[in-house]
């Protein structure tokens, strides 16, 4: 607990059997109340390792993609009473020791979401980020800042914290199940006026750390550009976008699919 907030860590996992234990050992268990791992139909021993570590485990019978995994993560966390939800990749690429700082920024009431940036400071290149990824990250982020009207250092980190109120206010089911989900979720949150904060985060690139290949990175990049442009057009009132302007919300149950549909004020 932190300021009477239940802190939940969610781990969207795929082939993470070799790195889960390292990640969990670095989590500050004195403030983390619940740890949820969603195994996206991994072909390895990911779910069994997680169960042996005492985590709450949800297993997708079929692979739903990175965005689909996150949808289950957040829905499960809310069902289990989370007040602050922090997504940590179980591949040990990001430092789990920053969870208290990220949770504290939300518990302070100043921020609704916090991004752990690899770009602030020298964490990205020092941690081994390939130069082409660094350049693409900087270029996409500059474009997004213009289109979204923000001043963030990075939009592409996989280490994020969210308030319960924010998660309950978004319609995540209309977002993609692929990697561009991350940017569509940010666009929804900005559209609704939520406040974002950032914190510097070291990162590690090594053989067992997950990383999308060049082809999927290119697809993701074009998805980011499309998200940014469509957001700007919607803000300008030129072309609407149902991801932003829809007035219905669907919540996914981790086992039964969509189980509730309700109006959002």
Protein backbone atom coordinates (compact mmCIF):
# COMPACT_ATOMS: atom_id res chain seq x y z
CA UNK A 1 0.00 0.00 0.00
CA UNK A 2 1.03 3.59 -0.65
CA UNK A 3 -1.12 6.42 0.73
CA UNK A 4 -3.91 3.83 1.09
CA UNK A 5 -3.60 2.86 -2.57
CA UNK A 6 -3.37 -0.81 -3.52
CA UNK A 7 -0.32 -1.19 -5.78
CA UNK A 8 -0.53 -3.86 -8.48
CA UNK A 9 2.24 -4.85 -10.87
CA UNK A 10 1.21 -6.47 -14.14
CA UNK A 11 3.60 -8.50 -16.27
CA UNK A 12 2.63 -9.02 -19.94
CA UNK A 13 4.65 -12.13 -20.72
CA UNK A 14 5.67 -14.11 -23.76
CA UNK A 15 8.56 -16.57 -23.60
CA UNK A 16 9.84 -15.02 -20.36
CA UNK A 17 10.65 -18.18 -18.37
CA UNK A 18 14.37 -17.34 -18.12
CA UNK A 19 13.92 -13.80 -16.78
CA UNK A 20 10.80 -13.77 -14.58
CA UNK A 21 12.63 -14.66 -11.39
CA UNK A 22 15.23 -11.89 -11.84
CA UNK A 23 12.43 -9.40 -12.41
CA UNK A 24 10.45 -10.50 -9.35
CA UNK A 25 13.51 -10.43 -7.08
CA UNK A 26 14.00 -6.73 -7.87
CA UNK A 27 10.39 -5.77 -7.17
CA UNK A 28 10.00 -3.86 -3.86
CA UNK A 29 7.56 -6.21 -2.16
CA UNK A 30 7.08 -3.87 0.81
CA UNK A 31 4.71 -1.68 -1.24
CA UNK A 32 3.56 -4.04 -4.01
CA UNK A 33 0.30 -5.71 -2.97
CA UNK A 34 -0.46 -7.86 -6.01
CA UNK A 35 1.55 -9.24 -8.93
CA UNK A 36 -0.27 -10.48 -12.03
CA UNK A 37 1.39 -12.26 -14.95
CA UNK A 38 -0.51 -12.78 -18.19
CA UNK A 39 1.09 -15.48 -20.33
CA UNK A 40 0.24 -14.90 -23.99
CA UNK A 41 0.32 -18.59 -24.99
CA UNK A 42 4.07 -18.92 -24.52
CA UNK A 43 5.65 -22.07 -25.96
CA UNK A 44 8.08 -22.25 -23.01
CA UNK A 45 7.59 -22.71 -19.25
CA UNK A 46 6.61 -19.10 -18.51
CA UNK A 47 3.33 -19.80 -16.68
CA UNK A 48 4.73 -22.62 -14.56
CA UNK A 49 7.71 -20.55 -13.44
CA UNK A 50 5.36 -17.69 -12.54
CA UNK A 51 3.09 -19.98 -10.53
CA UNK A 52 6.08 -21.39 -8.65
CA UNK A 53 6.98 -17.82 -7.68
CA UNK A 54 3.51 -17.32 -6.20
CA UNK A 55 2.19 -14.89 -8.81
CA UNK A 56 -1.42 -14.65 -9.91
CA UNK A 57 -1.24 -16.14 -13.41
CA UNK A 58 -3.65 -15.80 -16.34
CA UNK A 59 -2.90 -17.87 -19.45
CA UNK A 60 -4.21 -17.04 -22.91
CA UNK A 61 -5.05 -20.27 -24.76
CA UNK A 62 -4.15 -18.50 -28.01
CA UNK A 63 -1.71 -15.67 -28.62
CA UNK A 64 -3.56 -12.33 -28.63
CA UNK A 65 -0.64 -10.02 -29.28
CA UNK A 66 1.07 -7.45 -27.06
CA UNK A 67 -1.95 -5.15 -26.95
CA UNK A 68 -4.33 -8.01 -26.26
CA UNK A 69 -2.08 -9.13 -23.41
CA UNK A 70 -2.18 -5.67 -21.84
CA UNK A 71 -5.97 -5.55 -22.08
CA UNK A 72 -6.15 -8.70 -19.95
CA UNK A 73 -3.50 -7.32 -17.57
CA UNK A 74 -5.43 -4.15 -16.84
CA UNK A 75 -8.87 -5.77 -16.67
CA UNK A 76 -7.56 -8.39 -14.22
CA UNK A 77 -5.84 -5.76 -12.07
CA UNK A 78 -9.03 -3.71 -11.79
CA UNK A 79 -11.07 -6.81 -10.95
CA UNK A 80 -8.63 -7.57 -8.13
CA UNK A 81 -9.00 -4.08 -6.64
CA UNK A 82 -5.92 -2.22 -7.88
CA UNK A 83 -5.72 1.54 -7.27
CA UNK A 84 -2.40 2.02 -9.10
CA UNK A 85 -1.31 -0.37 -11.85
CA UNK A 86 2.30 -0.55 -13.02
CA UNK A 87 3.24 -2.51 -16.12
CA UNK A 88 6.69 -4.09 -15.89
CA UNK A 89 8.10 -6.25 -18.66
CA UNK A 90 9.17 -9.60 -17.20
CA UNK A 91 12.24 -9.77 -19.47
CA UNK A 92 14.33 -7.70 -16.99
CA UNK A 93 14.99 -4.98 -19.55
CA UNK A 94 13.68 -2.25 -17.21
CA UNK A 95 14.58 -1.81 -13.55
CA UNK A 96 11.70 -2.98 -11.29
CA UNK A 97 13.23 -0.97 -8.44
CA UNK A 98 11.60 2.19 -9.84
CA UNK A 99 8.10 0.93 -8.99
CA UNK A 100 7.89 2.92 -5.69
CA UNK A 101 8.90 6.16 -7.42
CA UNK A 102 6.38 5.68 -10.23
CA UNK A 103 3.60 4.69 -7.84
CA UNK A 104 4.45 7.65 -5.62
CA UNK A 105 4.04 10.10 -8.49
CA UNK A 106 0.49 8.87 -9.05
CA UNK A 107 -0.32 8.55 -5.33
CA UNK A 108 0.71 12.21 -4.93
CA UNK A 109 -2.30 13.21 -7.01
CA UNK A 110 -0.19 15.21 -9.45
CA UNK A 111 -0.21 12.60 -12.25
CA UNK A 112 -2.63 10.08 -13.69
CA UNK A 113 0.06 8.22 -15.65
CA UNK A 114 3.83 7.90 -15.42
CA UNK A 115 6.23 6.81 -18.16
CA UNK A 116 9.68 5.41 -17.34
CA UNK A 117 11.81 7.00 -20.05
CA UNK A 118 14.93 5.36 -21.45
CA UNK A 119 15.80 8.61 -23.22
CA UNK A 120 16.05 10.93 -20.20
CA UNK A 121 19.70 10.81 -19.19
CA UNK A 122 21.92 8.31 -21.03
CA UNK A 123 20.10 5.10 -20.17
CA UNK A 124 19.17 3.93 -23.67
CA UNK A 125 22.50 3.87 -25.48
CA UNK A 126 24.44 3.01 -22.32
CA UNK A 127 22.17 0.01 -21.84
CA UNK A 128 22.81 -1.25 -25.34
CA UNK A 129 19.87 0.06 -27.37
CA UNK A 130 20.77 -0.36 -31.07
CA UNK A 131 21.53 2.97 -32.73
CA UNK A 132 18.83 2.51 -35.38
CA UNK A 133 16.22 2.01 -32.66
CA UNK A 134 17.47 5.06 -30.79
CA UNK A 135 17.26 7.25 -33.91
CA UNK A 136 13.78 5.92 -34.77
CA UNK A 137 12.64 6.50 -31.18
CA UNK A 138 13.81 10.11 -31.22
CA UNK A 139 12.29 10.81 -34.62
CA UNK A 140 8.91 9.30 -33.80
CA UNK A 141 8.81 11.02 -30.41
CA UNK A 142 9.53 14.44 -31.98
CA UNK A 143 6.70 13.91 -34.47
CA UNK A 144 4.31 12.76 -31.75
CA UNK A 145 5.08 15.75 -29.55
CA UNK A 146 4.07 18.04 -32.40
CA UNK A 147 0.92 16.11 -33.29
CA UNK A 148 -0.18 15.38 -29.71
CA UNK A 149 0.79 18.76 -28.30
CA UNK A 150 3.06 17.30 -25.61
CA UNK A 151 6.71 17.52 -24.50
CA UNK A 152 7.51 13.93 -23.60
CA UNK A 153 11.00 12.46 -23.99
CA UNK A 154 9.64 9.06 -25.08
CA UNK A 155 6.34 7.39 -25.99
CA UNK A 156 7.70 3.91 -26.63
CA UNK A 157 8.79 2.62 -23.24
CA UNK A 158 7.20 -0.58 -21.98
CA UNK A 159 7.35 0.58 -18.37
CA UNK A 160 4.24 2.53 -17.41
CA UNK A 161 2.07 3.32 -14.39
CA UNK A 162 -1.64 4.17 -14.45
CA UNK A 163 -4.24 5.32 -11.95
CA UNK A 164 -7.40 3.29 -11.53
CA UNK A 165 -9.50 6.28 -12.57
CA UNK A 166 -7.61 6.55 -15.86
CA UNK A 167 -7.95 2.85 -16.67
CA UNK A 168 -11.66 2.87 -15.89
CA UNK A 169 -12.15 5.90 -18.13
CA UNK A 170 -10.55 4.45 -21.27
CA UNK A 171 -12.09 2.16 -23.90
CA UNK A 172 -9.12 -0.13 -24.42
CA UNK A 173 -11.07 -2.80 -26.27
CA UNK A 174 -11.29 -0.60 -29.38
CA UNK A 175 -7.50 -0.29 -29.49
CA UNK A 176 -5.25 -2.59 -31.48
CA UNK A 177 -4.08 -5.96 -30.14
CA UNK A 178 -0.64 -5.30 -31.67
CA UNK A 179 2.25 -3.12 -30.48
CA UNK A 180 0.62 0.16 -31.56
CA UNK A 181 -1.83 -0.41 -28.68
CA UNK A 182 0.63 1.51 -26.49
CA UNK A 183 0.30 4.69 -28.53
CA UNK A 184 -3.45 4.40 -29.00
CA UNK A 185 -3.84 4.07 -25.23
CA UNK A 186 -1.77 7.21 -24.69
CA UNK A 187 -3.85 9.04 -27.31
CA UNK A 188 -7.07 8.07 -25.52
CA UNK A 189 -5.70 9.26 -22.18
CA UNK A 190 -4.52 12.59 -23.60
CA UNK A 191 -7.84 13.08 -25.38
CA UNK A 192 -9.60 12.75 -22.02
CA UNK A 193 -7.26 15.25 -20.38
CA UNK A 194 -5.21 13.00 -18.11
CA UNK A 195 -1.83 14.24 -16.85
CA UNK A 196 1.40 12.40 -17.70
CA UNK A 197 4.68 12.45 -15.81
CA UNK A 198 8.05 10.92 -16.67
CA UNK A 199 10.95 9.40 -14.77
CA UNK A 200 14.40 8.44 -16.01
CA UNK A 201 14.97 4.70 -16.28
CA UNK A 202 18.09 2.65 -17.09
CA UNK A 203 17.56 -0.19 -19.55
CA UNK A 204 19.33 -3.41 -20.48
CA UNK A 205 19.59 -5.04 -23.90
CA UNK A 206 20.75 -8.66 -23.76
CA UNK A 207 20.01 -11.98 -25.46
CA UNK A 208 17.03 -12.97 -23.30
CA UNK A 209 15.43 -9.51 -23.31
CA UNK A 210 12.48 -9.28 -25.68
CA UNK A 211 12.76 -7.03 -28.71
CA UNK A 212 10.68 -6.76 -31.86
CA UNK A 213 12.49 -7.31 -35.15
CA UNK A 214 13.08 -4.72 -37.87
CA UNK A 215 10.02 -5.66 -39.93
CA UNK A 216 7.64 -5.36 -36.99
CA UNK A 217 9.39 -2.19 -35.87
CA UNK A 218 8.66 -0.62 -39.26
CA UNK A 219 5.00 -1.66 -38.99
CA UNK A 220 4.88 -0.20 -35.48
CA UNK A 221 6.46 3.04 -36.69
CA UNK A 222 3.82 3.53 -39.38
CA UNK A 223 1.14 2.77 -36.78
CA UNK A 224 2.57 5.47 -34.53
CA UNK A 225 2.51 7.99 -37.38
CA UNK A 226 -1.10 7.10 -38.19
CA UNK A 227 -2.14 7.40 -34.52
CA UNK A 228 -0.51 10.82 -34.22
CA UNK A 229 -2.02 12.19 -37.43
CA UNK A 230 -5.51 10.89 -36.65
CA UNK A 231 -5.31 12.38 -33.16
CA UNK A 232 -4.39 15.79 -34.59
CA UNK A 233 -7.20 15.64 -37.15
CA UNK A 234 -9.69 14.72 -34.41
CA UNK A 235 -8.49 17.56 -32.16
CA UNK A 236 -8.87 19.98 -35.07
CA UNK A 237 -12.40 18.72 -35.68
CA UNK A 238 -11.58 17.68 -39.24
CA UNK A 239 -12.03 13.90 -39.06
CA UNK A 240 -13.37 11.99 -36.06
CA UNK A 241 -11.81 8.78 -34.75
CA UNK A 242 -13.87 6.21 -32.88
CA UNK A 243 -10.88 5.20 -30.72
CA UNK A 244 -11.06 8.69 -29.22
CA UNK A 245 -14.68 9.68 -29.51
CA UNK A 246 -16.57 6.45 -28.80
CA UNK A 247 -18.98 6.67 -25.86
CA UNK A 248 -19.14 2.97 -25.02
CA UNK A 249 -16.76 0.97 -22.89
CA UNK A 250 -16.06 -2.75 -23.00
CA UNK A 251 -14.16 -4.64 -20.31
CA UNK A 252 -12.45 -7.95 -21.06
CA UNK A 253 -12.65 -10.81 -18.59
CA UNK A 254 -9.38 -12.78 -18.78
CA UNK A 255 -11.18 -16.08 -19.30
CA UNK A 256 -14.54 -15.25 -20.83
CA UNK A 257 -13.71 -12.40 -23.19
CA UNK A 258 -15.86 -9.25 -23.11
CA UNK A 259 -18.32 -9.51 -20.26
CA UNK A 260 -19.49 -5.98 -19.54
CA UNK A 261 -20.49 -3.06 -21.69
CA UNK A 262 -21.47 0.23 -20.14
CA UNK A 263 -21.81 3.91 -20.93
CA UNK A 264 -18.95 6.18 -20.04
CA UNK A 265 -19.80 9.68 -18.85
